[in-house]
Amino acid sequence: MLERSDRYWEVPTTLDRVVIRRATHSAMAESLSKGDNQAVLLRADAADVNLLKDIQNLTTKPVPRNEVVQVLLRPASQQLADVKARKAIVAALDRDALIASGTQSGPSTQFRADSYVVPPSRAGYQATITGNTLNAAVADQLLTEAGYVKTGTEWQKAGKPLKLKIAAPEKSEPYVSIANRIKAQLTERGIASEVVTPNAEDLFSKQLTEKDIDIAVVPRVDAGDSAAGLASAYGCVGDAPDGATPSPQNPAGFCDPAIQTDIDAALNGKVLLSDVLVRIEPQIQAQAVSVPLFQVVDLLGVLPTVSGVDTGAPLAGVLSGAPEWRRLDK
């Protein structure tokens, strides 16, 4: 329960309090139908969208999160250090099927991420990726060029089977489900894999700083500065001036000095980010480091008994507009 502070010295809100309830999606729909709640925010699939459609006079809007679901193929991994091996894995993945599985025909379906840096909901978004990634013949050819031989139903190199470790943060959806779907797709191509789900802190602070994880299904977070996001996702670790803390390695363990000059230019404002992305994104695509899927989008449902409840400021969310909310039935 959020209550208005009597000590606040600026213009006070009209509402005395905002009550926030956590509930199942069916319970949310029931409370709206009865008028017990005036608005809901949920991560919806097709069934939830249809459930809310049955509620009379309910208005729904998508609320994009600053979170893009992506698949990282880590050059820091010993098995995926070869760009041909990474390209082979990308060609073995059915990106369209992964997107369909992760969005479940919910509002995220309309926010397919075809850029490596800027999320679909932000200004400056331009699609780089076209079409699906799946190409079984190319996958087989690239694995062969990378030194692998298909023996029976599995790929081997120097007598050892190719087996990849896929990581996703524990109990975090849609990441865990997509990781398991990737495992199933790789199995169809004769590529063995296992899925591990460490807690998020351990995954990002330890396992993605080492060589143990081959593929990671993790969010790419956009904090509002896409140039900084570019550097965080694909930049090299630089020398820290005057003994300051150096920048951490990006989650993929990727570093390409050929594009670092452009990244630095975008960071310090010497070159427009849009101009940098035109040059850099095709190079990132050629390195087969990341496979973006979609932006995570929530669904906001609002009854006409309130006004001012909207999607809110970018990155701040629905509650950022709470001072303007009004109850019309009181």
C-alpha atoms as a PDB file:
ATOM      1  CA  MET A   1       0.000   0.000   0.000  1.00  0.00           C
ATOM      2  CA  LEU A   2       1.401   3.376  -1.075  1.00  0.00           C
ATOM      3  CA  GLU A   3       0.096   6.303   0.952  1.00  0.00           C
ATOM      4  CA  ARG A   4       0.341  10.017   0.280  1.00  0.00           C
ATOM      5  CA  SER A   5       2.930  11.749   2.422  1.00  0.00           C
ATOM      6  CA  ASP A   6       1.593  14.764   4.338  1.00  0.00           C
ATOM      7  CA  ARG A   7       5.156  16.112   4.565  1.00  0.00           C
ATOM      8  CA  TYR A   8       5.642  16.359   0.814  1.00  0.00           C
ATOM      9  CA  TRP A   9       6.046  20.062   0.013  1.00  0.00           C
ATOM     10  CA  GLU A  10       5.155  20.049  -3.685  1.00  0.00           C
ATOM     11  CA  VAL A  11       1.726  19.658  -5.295  1.00  0.00           C
ATOM     12  CA  PRO A  12       0.029  16.750  -3.509  1.00  0.00           C
ATOM     13  CA  THR A  13      -1.526  13.822  -5.330  1.00  0.00           C
ATOM     14  CA  THR A  14      -5.282  13.562  -5.552  1.00  0.00           C
ATOM     15  CA  LEU A  15      -5.330   9.969  -4.340  1.00  0.00           C
ATOM     16  CA  ASP A  16      -4.806   9.200  -0.667  1.00  0.00           C
ATOM     17  CA  ARG A  17      -3.431   5.767  -1.384  1.00  0.00           C
ATOM     18  CA  VAL A  18      -2.682   3.189  -4.087  1.00  0.00           C
ATOM     19  CA  VAL A  19      -3.216  -0.469  -3.197  1.00  0.00           C
ATOM     20  CA  ILE A  20      -1.119  -2.958  -5.177  1.00  0.00           C
ATOM     21  CA  ARG A  21      -2.185  -6.603  -5.144  1.00  0.00           C
ATOM     22  CA  ARG A  22      -0.325  -9.619  -6.484  1.00  0.00           C
ATOM     23  CA  ALA A  23      -2.563 -12.315  -7.936  1.00  0.00           C
ATOM     24  CA  THR A  24      -2.916 -15.001 -10.579  1.00  0.00           C
ATOM     25  CA  HIS A  25      -4.046 -13.853 -14.011  1.00  0.00           C
ATOM     26  CA  SER A  26      -7.481 -15.408 -13.583  1.00  0.00           C
ATOM     27  CA  ALA A  27      -7.886 -13.676 -10.218  1.00  0.00           C
ATOM     28  CA  MET A  28      -6.893 -10.367 -11.831  1.00  0.00           C
ATOM     29  CA  ALA A  29      -9.568 -10.783 -14.483  1.00  0.00           C
ATOM     30  CA  GLU A  30     -12.188 -11.655 -11.866  1.00  0.00           C
ATOM     31  CA  SER A  31     -11.331  -8.624  -9.734  1.00  0.00           C
ATOM     32  CA  LEU A  32     -11.672  -6.349 -12.772  1.00  0.00           C
ATOM     33  CA  SER A  33     -15.024  -7.879 -13.657  1.00  0.00           C
ATOM     34  CA  LYS A  34     -16.299  -7.182 -10.140  1.00  0.00           C
ATOM     35  CA  GLY A  35     -14.788  -3.694 -10.012  1.00  0.00           C
ATOM     36  CA  ASP A  36     -12.623  -4.582  -6.993  1.00  0.00           C
ATOM     37  CA  ASN A  37      -9.556  -3.508  -8.953  1.00  0.00           C
ATOM     38  CA  GLN A  38      -9.471  -0.742 -11.537  1.00  0.00           C
ATOM     39  CA  ALA A  39      -6.277  -1.695 -13.420  1.00  0.00           C
ATOM     40  CA  VAL A  40      -3.977  -4.681 -13.939  1.00  0.00           C
ATOM     41  CA  LEU A  41      -0.447  -5.153 -15.256  1.00  0.00           C
ATOM     42  CA  LEU A  42       0.648  -8.612 -16.337  1.00  0.00           C
ATOM     43  CA  ARG A  43       2.921 -10.520 -18.671  1.00  0.00           C
ATOM     44  CA  ALA A  44       0.278 -11.979 -20.939  1.00  0.00           C
ATOM     45  CA  ASP A  45       0.121 -14.832 -23.404  1.00  0.00           C
ATOM     46  CA  ALA A  46      -2.658 -15.419 -25.949  1.00  0.00           C
ATOM     47  CA  ALA A  47      -4.959 -16.977 -23.333  1.00  0.00           C
ATOM     48  CA  ASP A  48      -4.574 -13.945 -21.053  1.00  0.00           C
ATOM     49  CA  VAL A  49      -5.259 -11.535 -23.912  1.00  0.00           C
ATOM     50  CA  ASN A  50      -8.492 -13.387 -24.683  1.00  0.00           C
ATOM     51  CA  LEU A  51      -9.369 -13.471 -20.978  1.00  0.00           C
ATOM     52  CA  LEU A  52      -9.146  -9.682 -20.721  1.00  0.00           C
ATOM     53  CA  LYS A  53     -11.128  -9.210 -23.946  1.00  0.00           C
ATOM     54  CA  ASP A  54     -14.190 -10.584 -22.196  1.00  0.00           C
ATOM     55  CA  ILE A  55     -14.181  -7.770 -19.612  1.00  0.00           C
ATOM     56  CA  GLN A  56     -16.593  -5.030 -20.583  1.00  0.00           C
ATOM     57  CA  ASN A  57     -15.152  -1.542 -21.263  1.00  0.00           C
ATOM     58  CA  LEU A  58     -11.587  -2.605 -20.459  1.00  0.00           C
ATOM     59  CA  THR A  59      -8.859  -0.765 -22.405  1.00  0.00           C
ATOM     60  CA  THR A  60      -5.565  -2.603 -22.922  1.00  0.00           C
ATOM     61  CA  LYS A  61      -2.149  -1.254 -23.905  1.00  0.00           C
ATOM     62  CA  PRO A  62       1.316  -2.830 -24.296  1.00  0.00           C
ATOM     63  CA  VAL A  63       3.969  -1.701 -21.792  1.00  0.00           C
ATOM     64  CA  PRO A  64       7.481  -2.511 -23.095  1.00  0.00           C
ATOM     65  CA  ARG A  65      10.102  -3.363 -20.507  1.00  0.00           C
ATOM     66  CA  ASN A  66      13.713  -2.253 -20.972  1.00  0.00           C
ATOM     67  CA  GLU A  67      14.571  -5.908 -21.557  1.00  0.00           C
ATOM     68  CA  VAL A  68      15.339  -7.790 -24.770  1.00  0.00           C
ATOM     69  CA  VAL A  69      15.562 -11.585 -24.725  1.00  0.00           C
ATOM     70  CA  GLN A  70      18.748 -12.695 -26.470  1.00  0.00           C
ATOM     71  CA  VAL A  71      20.818 -15.808 -27.061  1.00  0.00           C
ATOM     72  CA  LEU A  72      24.553 -15.297 -26.535  1.00  0.00           C
ATOM     73  CA  LEU A  73      27.050 -17.580 -28.272  1.00  0.00           C
ATOM     74  CA  ARG A  74      30.145 -16.943 -26.197  1.00  0.00           C
ATOM     75  CA  PRO A  75      33.533 -16.540 -27.896  1.00  0.00           C
ATOM     76  CA  ALA A  76      34.992 -16.902 -24.391  1.00  0.00           C
ATOM     77  CA  SER A  77      33.882 -20.539 -24.509  1.00  0.00           C
ATOM     78  CA  GLN A  78      36.524 -22.967 -25.745  1.00  0.00           C
ATOM     79  CA  GLN A  79      34.062 -24.795 -27.982  1.00  0.00           C
ATOM     80  CA  LEU A  80      32.663 -21.619 -29.542  1.00  0.00           C
ATOM     81  CA  ALA A  81      35.893 -19.641 -29.852  1.00  0.00           C
ATOM     82  CA  ASP A  82      35.896 -20.445 -33.585  1.00  0.00           C
ATOM     83  CA  VAL A  83      33.523 -18.109 -35.438  1.00  0.00           C
ATOM     84  CA  LYS A  84      32.641 -20.974 -37.816  1.00  0.00           C
ATOM     85  CA  ALA A  85      31.387 -23.029 -34.878  1.00  0.00           C
ATOM     86  CA  ARG A  86      29.280 -20.086 -33.659  1.00  0.00           C
ATOM     87  CA  LYS A  87      27.841 -19.522 -37.129  1.00  0.00           C
ATOM     88  CA  ALA A  88      27.016 -23.223 -37.333  1.00  0.00           C
ATOM     89  CA  ILE A  89      25.066 -23.063 -34.072  1.00  0.00           C
ATOM     90  CA  VAL A  90      23.164 -19.975 -35.253  1.00  0.00           C
ATOM     91  CA  ALA A  91      22.271 -21.811 -38.479  1.00  0.00           C
ATOM     92  CA  ALA A  92      21.057 -24.770 -36.398  1.00  0.00           C
ATOM     93  CA  LEU A  93      18.619 -22.569 -34.456  1.00  0.00           C
ATOM     94  CA  ASP A  94      15.084 -21.843 -35.599  1.00  0.00           C
ATOM     95  CA  ARG A  95      14.862 -18.221 -34.445  1.00  0.00           C
ATOM     96  CA  ASP A  96      11.257 -17.838 -35.555  1.00  0.00           C
ATOM     97  CA  ALA A  97      10.234 -20.836 -33.443  1.00  0.00           C
ATOM     98  CA  LEU A  98      12.148 -19.499 -30.427  1.00  0.00           C
ATOM     99  CA  ILE A  99      10.357 -16.148 -30.721  1.00  0.00           C
ATOM    100  CA  ALA A 100       6.967 -17.847 -31.062  1.00  0.00           C
ATOM    101  CA  SER A 101       7.704 -20.038 -28.048  1.00  0.00           C
ATOM    102  CA  GLY A 102       8.864 -17.133 -25.894  1.00  0.00           C
ATOM    103  CA  THR A 103       6.112 -14.652 -26.773  1.00  0.00           C
ATOM    104  CA  GLN A 104       3.268 -17.210 -26.701  1.00  0.00           C
ATOM    105  CA  SER A 105       1.230 -14.904 -28.959  1.00  0.00           C
ATOM    106  CA  GLY A 106       1.159 -12.218 -26.284  1.00  0.00           C
ATOM    107  CA  PRO A 107       1.967  -8.508 -26.753  1.00  0.00           C
ATOM    108  CA  SER A 108       5.706  -9.250 -27.101  1.00  0.00           C
ATOM    109  CA  THR A 109       4.900 -10.748 -30.508  1.00  0.00           C
ATOM    110  CA  GLN A 110       4.657  -7.222 -31.941  1.00  0.00           C
ATOM    111  CA  PHE A 111       8.103  -6.317 -30.560  1.00  0.00           C
ATOM    112  CA  ARG A 112      10.344  -8.734 -32.427  1.00  0.00           C
ATOM    113  CA  ALA A 113      13.959  -7.610 -31.911  1.00  0.00           C
ATOM    114  CA  ASP A 114      15.787  -7.479 -35.236  1.00  0.00           C
ATOM    115  CA  SER A 115      18.543  -5.161 -33.991  1.00  0.00           C
ATOM    116  CA  TYR A 116      21.596  -6.008 -31.876  1.00  0.00           C
ATOM    117  CA  VAL A 117      21.565  -2.799 -29.831  1.00  0.00           C
ATOM    118  CA  VAL A 118      18.406  -0.638 -29.868  1.00  0.00           C
ATOM    119  CA  PRO A 119      15.190  -2.301 -28.600  1.00  0.00           C
ATOM    120  CA  PRO A 120      12.071  -2.140 -30.809  1.00  0.00           C
ATOM    121  CA  SER A 121      10.225   0.325 -28.562  1.00  0.00           C
ATOM    122  CA  ARG A 122      12.944   2.990 -28.630  1.00  0.00           C
ATOM    123  CA  ALA A 123      13.483   5.815 -31.091  1.00  0.00           C
ATOM    124  CA  GLY A 124      16.272   5.004 -33.531  1.00  0.00           C
ATOM    125  CA  TYR A 125      15.394   1.332 -33.840  1.00  0.00           C
ATOM    126  CA  GLN A 126      16.335  -0.067 -37.252  1.00  0.00           C
ATOM    127  CA  ALA A 127      16.074  -3.721 -38.215  1.00  0.00           C
ATOM    128  CA  THR A 128      19.339  -5.415 -39.170  1.00  0.00           C
ATOM    129  CA  ILE A 129      18.307  -9.065 -39.146  1.00  0.00           C
ATOM    130  CA  THR A 130      16.078 -10.309 -41.938  1.00  0.00           C
ATOM    131  CA  GLY A 131      14.465 -13.717 -42.194  1.00  0.00           C
ATOM    132  CA  ASN A 132      14.996 -16.796 -40.073  1.00  0.00           C
ATOM    133  CA  THR A 133      18.368 -18.162 -38.948  1.00  0.00           C
ATOM    134  CA  LEU A 134      17.660 -21.848 -39.559  1.00  0.00           C
ATOM    135  CA  ASN A 135      19.679 -23.415 -42.374  1.00  0.00           C
ATOM    136  CA  ALA A 136      20.524 -27.065 -41.702  1.00  0.00           C
ATOM    137  CA  ALA A 137      22.837 -27.470 -44.714  1.00  0.00           C
ATOM    138  CA  VAL A 138      24.893 -24.415 -43.747  1.00  0.00           C
ATOM    139  CA  ALA A 139      25.111 -25.637 -40.150  1.00  0.00           C
ATOM    140  CA  ASP A 140      26.509 -29.004 -41.276  1.00  0.00           C
ATOM    141  CA  GLN A 141      28.961 -27.364 -43.683  1.00  0.00           C
ATOM    142  CA  LEU A 142      30.297 -24.923 -41.084  1.00  0.00           C
ATOM    143  CA  LEU A 143      30.747 -27.618 -38.452  1.00  0.00           C
ATOM    144  CA  THR A 144      32.721 -29.641 -40.979  1.00  0.00           C
ATOM    145  CA  GLU A 145      34.891 -26.610 -41.788  1.00  0.00           C
ATOM    146  CA  ALA A 146      35.445 -26.100 -38.048  1.00  0.00           C
ATOM    147  CA  GLY A 147      36.948 -29.587 -37.843  1.00  0.00           C
ATOM    148  CA  TYR A 148      33.950 -31.630 -36.692  1.00  0.00           C
ATOM    149  CA  VAL A 149      32.925 -34.982 -38.155  1.00  0.00           C
ATOM    150  CA  LYS A 150      29.442 -36.436 -37.916  1.00  0.00           C
ATOM    151  CA  THR A 151      29.621 -39.983 -36.563  1.00  0.00           C
ATOM    152  CA  GLY A 152      26.238 -41.645 -36.510  1.00  0.00           C
ATOM    153  CA  THR A 153      23.912 -39.036 -35.049  1.00  0.00           C
ATOM    154  CA  GLU A 154      26.480 -36.869 -33.228  1.00  0.00           C
ATOM    155  CA  TRP A 155      29.245 -34.423 -34.121  1.00  0.00           C
ATOM    156  CA  GLN A 156      32.777 -35.149 -32.907  1.00  0.00           C
ATOM    157  CA  LYS A 157      36.158 -33.463 -33.006  1.00  0.00           C
ATOM    158  CA  ALA A 158      39.354 -35.367 -32.224  1.00  0.00           C
ATOM    159  CA  GLY A 159      37.207 -38.222 -30.949  1.00  0.00           C
ATOM    160  CA  LYS A 160      35.284 -36.043 -28.491  1.00  0.00           C
ATOM    161  CA  PRO A 161      31.580 -35.311 -28.975  1.00  0.00           C
ATOM    162  CA  LEU A 162      30.414 -31.738 -29.325  1.00  0.00           C
ATOM    163  CA  LYS A 163      28.406 -30.974 -26.195  1.00  0.00           C
ATOM    164  CA  LEU A 164      27.379 -27.445 -25.279  1.00  0.00           C
ATOM    165  CA  LYS A 165      26.305 -25.995 -21.948  1.00  0.00           C
ATOM    166  CA  ILE A 166      23.303 -23.653 -22.147  1.00  0.00           C
ATOM    167  CA  ALA A 167      22.632 -21.357 -19.190  1.00  0.00           C
ATOM    168  CA  ALA A 168      19.569 -19.355 -18.177  1.00  0.00           C
ATOM    169  CA  PRO A 169      18.826 -17.559 -14.893  1.00  0.00           C
ATOM    170  CA  GLU A 170      17.016 -19.770 -12.402  1.00  0.00           C
ATOM    171  CA  LYS A 171      13.191 -19.586 -12.325  1.00  0.00           C
ATOM    172  CA  SER A 172      13.203 -16.731 -14.812  1.00  0.00           C
ATOM    173  CA  GLU A 173      10.819 -16.893 -17.741  1.00  0.00           C
ATOM    174  CA  PRO A 174      10.858 -16.906 -20.689  1.00  0.00           C
ATOM    175  CA  TYR A 175      14.608 -17.571 -20.425  1.00  0.00           C
ATOM    176  CA  VAL A 176      14.510 -21.091 -18.986  1.00  0.00           C
ATOM    177  CA  SER A 177      11.843 -22.252 -21.450  1.00  0.00           C
ATOM    178  CA  ILE A 178      13.772 -20.847 -24.398  1.00  0.00           C
ATOM    179  CA  ALA A 179      16.980 -22.523 -23.189  1.00  0.00           C
ATOM    180  CA  ASN A 180      15.185 -25.875 -23.178  1.00  0.00           C
ATOM    181  CA  ARG A 181      13.766 -25.184 -26.637  1.00  0.00           C
ATOM    182  CA  ILE A 182      17.307 -24.457 -27.897  1.00  0.00           C
ATOM    183  CA  LYS A 183      18.464 -27.779 -26.471  1.00  0.00           C
ATOM    184  CA  ALA A 184      15.689 -29.558 -28.391  1.00  0.00           C
ATOM    185  CA  GLN A 185      16.584 -27.762 -31.638  1.00  0.00           C
ATOM    186  CA  LEU A 186      20.277 -28.617 -31.293  1.00  0.00           C
ATOM    187  CA  THR A 187      19.440 -32.252 -30.584  1.00  0.00           C
ATOM    188  CA  GLU A 188      17.647 -32.404 -33.941  1.00  0.00           C
ATOM    189  CA  ARG A 189      20.919 -31.384 -35.608  1.00  0.00           C
ATOM    190  CA  GLY A 190      22.997 -33.977 -33.732  1.00  0.00           C
ATOM    191  CA  ILE A 191      24.483 -31.431 -31.317  1.00  0.00           C
ATOM    192  CA  ALA A 192      24.394 -32.555 -27.704  1.00  0.00           C
ATOM    193  CA  SER A 193      23.738 -29.998 -24.979  1.00  0.00           C
ATOM    194  CA  GLU A 194      22.646 -29.558 -21.391  1.00  0.00           C
ATOM    195  CA  VAL A 195      20.713 -26.754 -19.698  1.00  0.00           C
ATOM    196  CA  VAL A 196      21.856 -25.287 -16.390  1.00  0.00           C
ATOM    197  CA  THR A 197      19.894 -22.721 -14.386  1.00  0.00           C
ATOM    198  CA  PRO A 198      22.077 -21.065 -11.738  1.00  0.00           C
ATOM    199  CA  ASN A 199      20.703 -18.143  -9.763  1.00  0.00           C
ATOM    200  CA  ALA A 200      21.057 -14.858 -11.614  1.00  0.00           C
ATOM    201  CA  GLU A 201      23.721 -13.418  -9.324  1.00  0.00           C
ATOM    202  CA  ASP A 202      25.980 -16.445  -9.697  1.00  0.00           C
ATOM    203  CA  LEU A 203      25.384 -16.608 -13.459  1.00  0.00           C
ATOM    204  CA  PHE A 204      26.369 -13.000 -14.157  1.00  0.00           C
ATOM    205  CA  SER A 205      29.039 -12.486 -11.492  1.00  0.00           C
ATOM    206  CA  LYS A 206      30.881 -15.802 -11.881  1.00  0.00           C
ATOM    207  CA  GLN A 207      29.883 -18.191 -14.648  1.00  0.00           C
ATOM    208  CA  LEU A 208      29.706 -15.623 -17.457  1.00  0.00           C
ATOM    209  CA  THR A 209      33.161 -14.323 -16.521  1.00  0.00           C
ATOM    210  CA  GLU A 210      34.671 -17.760 -17.140  1.00  0.00           C
ATOM    211  CA  LYS A 211      34.764 -20.248 -20.030  1.00  0.00           C
ATOM    212  CA  ASP A 212      32.322 -22.781 -18.617  1.00  0.00           C
ATOM    213  CA  ILE A 213      29.149 -21.558 -20.373  1.00  0.00           C
ATOM    214  CA  ASP A 214      28.876 -21.925 -24.153  1.00  0.00           C
ATOM    215  CA  ILE A 215      25.418 -20.398 -24.730  1.00  0.00           C
ATOM    216  CA  ALA A 216      23.498 -18.045 -22.447  1.00  0.00           C
ATOM    217  CA  VAL A 217      19.834 -17.070 -22.721  1.00  0.00           C
ATOM    218  CA  VAL A 218      19.798 -13.769 -20.856  1.00  0.00           C
ATOM    219  CA  PRO A 219      18.295 -10.274 -21.045  1.00  0.00           C
ATOM    220  CA  ARG A 220      19.968  -7.356 -22.764  1.00  0.00           C
ATOM    221  CA  VAL A 221      18.959  -4.374 -20.671  1.00  0.00           C
ATOM    222  CA  ASP A 222      18.502  -0.936 -22.229  1.00  0.00           C
ATOM    223  CA  ALA A 223      18.891   1.717 -19.537  1.00  0.00           C
ATOM    224  CA  GLY A 224      18.097   4.605 -21.871  1.00  0.00           C
ATOM    225  CA  ASP A 225      21.583   5.198 -23.283  1.00  0.00           C
ATOM    226  CA  SER A 226      21.984   2.938 -26.311  1.00  0.00           C
ATOM    227  CA  ALA A 227      25.635   3.918 -26.801  1.00  0.00           C
ATOM    228  CA  ALA A 228      26.401   2.717 -23.292  1.00  0.00           C
ATOM    229  CA  GLY A 229      24.357  -0.398 -24.004  1.00  0.00           C
ATOM    230  CA  LEU A 230      26.450  -1.043 -27.114  1.00  0.00           C
ATOM    231  CA  ALA A 231      29.676  -0.774 -25.094  1.00  0.00           C
ATOM    232  CA  SER A 232      28.339  -2.989 -22.297  1.00  0.00           C
ATOM    233  CA  ALA A 233      27.189  -5.724 -24.660  1.00  0.00           C
ATOM    234  CA  TYR A 234      29.993  -5.783 -27.228  1.00  0.00           C
ATOM    235  CA  GLY A 235      32.876  -3.576 -26.041  1.00  0.00           C
ATOM    236  CA  CYS A 236      36.337  -4.721 -25.005  1.00  0.00           C
ATOM    237  CA  VAL A 237      37.585  -4.346 -21.437  1.00  0.00           C
ATOM    238  CA  GLY A 238      39.583  -1.111 -21.394  1.00  0.00           C
ATOM    239  CA  ASP A 239      42.404   0.114 -19.186  1.00  0.00           C
ATOM    240  CA  ALA A 240      41.048   2.099 -16.257  1.00  0.00           C
ATOM    241  CA  PRO A 241      42.623   5.573 -15.910  1.00  0.00           C
ATOM    242  CA  ASP A 242      44.316   6.546 -12.651  1.00  0.00           C
ATOM    243  CA  GLY A 243      43.683   3.237 -10.974  1.00  0.00           C
ATOM    244  CA  ALA A 244      39.904   3.364 -11.406  1.00  0.00           C
ATOM    245  CA  THR A 245      37.862   0.169 -11.598  1.00  0.00           C
ATOM    246  CA  PRO A 246      38.097  -1.266 -15.130  1.00  0.00           C
ATOM    247  CA  SER A 247      34.931  -1.976 -17.070  1.00  0.00           C
ATOM    248  CA  PRO A 248      33.778  -5.599 -16.651  1.00  0.00           C
ATOM    249  CA  GLN A 249      33.891  -8.117 -19.454  1.00  0.00           C
ATOM    250  CA  ASN A 250      30.643  -8.273 -21.397  1.00  0.00           C
ATOM    251  CA  PRO A 251      28.506 -11.402 -20.799  1.00  0.00           C
ATOM    252  CA  ALA A 252      29.545 -12.970 -24.119  1.00  0.00           C
ATOM    253  CA  GLY A 253      33.249 -12.548 -23.438  1.00  0.00           C
ATOM    254  CA  PHE A 254      33.448 -10.848 -26.830  1.00  0.00           C
ATOM    255  CA  CYS A 255      36.082  -8.381 -27.952  1.00  0.00           C
ATOM    256  CA  ASP A 256      36.746  -7.179 -31.492  1.00  0.00           C
ATOM    257  CA  PRO A 257      39.348  -4.392 -31.682  1.00  0.00           C
ATOM    258  CA  ALA A 258      38.141  -3.657 -35.229  1.00  0.00           C
ATOM    259  CA  ILE A 259      34.874  -2.209 -33.920  1.00  0.00           C
ATOM    260  CA  GLN A 260      36.129  -0.790 -30.605  1.00  0.00           C
ATOM    261  CA  THR A 261      37.104   2.552 -32.171  1.00  0.00           C
ATOM    262  CA  ASP A 262      33.531   3.039 -33.366  1.00  0.00           C
ATOM    263  CA  ILE A 263      32.151   2.049 -29.959  1.00  0.00           C
ATOM    264  CA  ASP A 264      34.394   4.595 -28.250  1.00  0.00           C
ATOM    265  CA  ALA A 265      33.374   7.278 -30.749  1.00  0.00           C
ATOM    266  CA  ALA A 266      29.689   6.617 -30.020  1.00  0.00           C
ATOM    267  CA  LEU A 267      30.329   6.779 -26.275  1.00  0.00           C
ATOM    268  CA  ASN A 268      32.111  10.129 -26.329  1.00  0.00           C
ATOM    269  CA  GLY A 269      29.708  11.649 -28.851  1.00  0.00           C
ATOM    270  CA  LYS A 270      32.225  12.168 -31.638  1.00  0.00           C
ATOM    271  CA  VAL A 271      30.026  10.176 -34.010  1.00  0.00           C
ATOM    272  CA  LEU A 272      26.254   9.751 -34.058  1.00  0.00           C
ATOM    273  CA  LEU A 273      25.168   6.400 -32.683  1.00  0.00           C
ATOM    274  CA  SER A 274      22.979   5.825 -35.741  1.00  0.00           C
ATOM    275  CA  ASP A 275      26.031   6.155 -38.007  1.00  0.00           C
ATOM    276  CA  VAL A 276      28.046   3.813 -35.806  1.00  0.00           C
ATOM    277  CA  LEU A 277      25.322   1.161 -35.774  1.00  0.00           C
ATOM    278  CA  VAL A 278      25.149   1.121 -39.583  1.00  0.00           C
ATOM    279  CA  ARG A 279      28.786   0.003 -39.589  1.00  0.00           C
ATOM    280  CA  ILE A 280      28.904  -2.107 -36.435  1.00  0.00           C
ATOM    281  CA  GLU A 281      25.734  -4.195 -36.523  1.00  0.00           C
ATOM    282  CA  PRO A 282      26.645  -6.111 -39.718  1.00  0.00           C
ATOM    283  CA  GLN A 283      30.022  -6.891 -38.125  1.00  0.00           C
ATOM    284  CA  ILE A 284      28.375  -8.132 -34.929  1.00  0.00           C
ATOM    285  CA  GLN A 285      26.089 -10.273 -37.067  1.00  0.00           C
ATOM    286  CA  ALA A 286      29.097 -11.681 -38.947  1.00  0.00           C
ATOM    287  CA  GLN A 287      30.754 -12.620 -35.645  1.00  0.00           C
ATOM    288  CA  ALA A 288      27.669 -14.673 -34.603  1.00  0.00           C
ATOM    289  CA  VAL A 289      27.866 -13.529 -31.004  1.00  0.00           C
ATOM    290  CA  SER A 290      24.227 -12.748 -30.326  1.00  0.00           C
ATOM    291  CA  VAL A 291      20.805 -13.781 -31.580  1.00  0.00           C
ATOM    292  CA  PRO A 292      18.228 -11.192 -30.415  1.00  0.00           C
ATOM    293  CA  LEU A 293      14.691 -12.529 -30.099  1.00  0.00           C
ATOM    294  CA  PHE A 294      12.113 -10.066 -28.757  1.00  0.00           C
ATOM    295  CA  GLN A 295      11.473  -7.300 -26.269  1.00  0.00           C
ATOM    296  CA  VAL A 296       9.595  -8.330 -23.136  1.00  0.00           C
ATOM    297  CA  VAL A 297       6.256  -6.499 -23.059  1.00  0.00           C
ATOM    298  CA  ASP A 298       3.642  -6.409 -20.308  1.00  0.00           C
ATOM    299  CA  LEU A 299      -0.058  -5.767 -20.848  1.00  0.00           C
ATOM    300  CA  LEU A 300      -1.877  -2.975 -19.023  1.00  0.00           C
ATOM    301  CA  GLY A 301      -5.645  -3.202 -18.596  1.00  0.00           C
ATOM    302  CA  VAL A 302      -7.606  -0.170 -17.339  1.00  0.00           C
ATOM    303  CA  LEU A 303     -11.292   0.277 -16.527  1.00  0.00           C
ATOM    304  CA  PRO A 304     -13.092   3.578 -17.253  1.00  0.00           C
ATOM    305  CA  THR A 305     -13.638   4.046 -13.506  1.00  0.00           C
ATOM    306  CA  VAL A 306     -10.131   5.600 -13.324  1.00  0.00           C
ATOM    307  CA  SER A 307      -8.287   8.172 -15.402  1.00  0.00           C
ATOM    308  CA  GLY A 308      -4.606   8.913 -15.893  1.00  0.00           C
ATOM    309  CA  VAL A 309      -3.502   5.279 -15.622  1.00  0.00           C
ATOM    310  CA  ASP A 310      -1.236   4.832 -18.624  1.00  0.00           C
ATOM    311  CA  THR A 311       1.979   3.165 -19.734  1.00  0.00           C
ATOM    312  CA  GLY A 312       4.098   5.769 -17.918  1.00  0.00           C
ATOM    313  CA  ALA A 313       7.430   7.286 -18.776  1.00  0.00           C
ATOM    314  CA  PRO A 314       9.885   5.149 -20.790  1.00  0.00           C
ATOM    315  CA  LEU A 315      11.854   2.788 -18.525  1.00  0.00           C
ATOM    316  CA  ALA A 316       9.981   4.114 -15.463  1.00  0.00           C
ATOM    317  CA  GLY A 317       6.810   2.085 -15.898  1.00  0.00           C
ATOM    318  CA  VAL A 318       3.158   2.489 -15.040  1.00  0.00           C
ATOM    319  CA  LEU A 319       3.632   3.793 -11.486  1.00  0.00           C
ATOM    320  CA  SER A 320       5.577   6.837 -12.723  1.00  0.00           C
ATOM    321  CA  GLY A 321       2.227   8.417 -13.611  1.00  0.00           C
ATOM    322  CA  ALA A 322       0.560   7.659 -10.268  1.00  0.00           C
ATOM    323  CA  PRO A 323       0.375  11.331  -9.151  1.00  0.00           C
ATOM    324  CA  GLU A 324      -2.040  11.924 -12.048  1.00  0.00           C
ATOM    325  CA  TRP A 325      -4.321   8.969 -11.357  1.00  0.00           C
ATOM    326  CA  ARG A 326      -7.954   9.700 -10.501  1.00  0.00           C
ATOM    327  CA  ARG A 327     -10.838   7.571  -9.221  1.00  0.00           C
ATOM    328  CA  LEU A 328     -13.973   8.551 -11.151  1.00  0.00           C
ATOM    329  CA  ASP A 329     -16.428   6.366  -9.232  1.00  0.00           C
ATOM    330  CA  LYS A 330     -15.726   7.884  -5.823  1.00  0.00           C
END
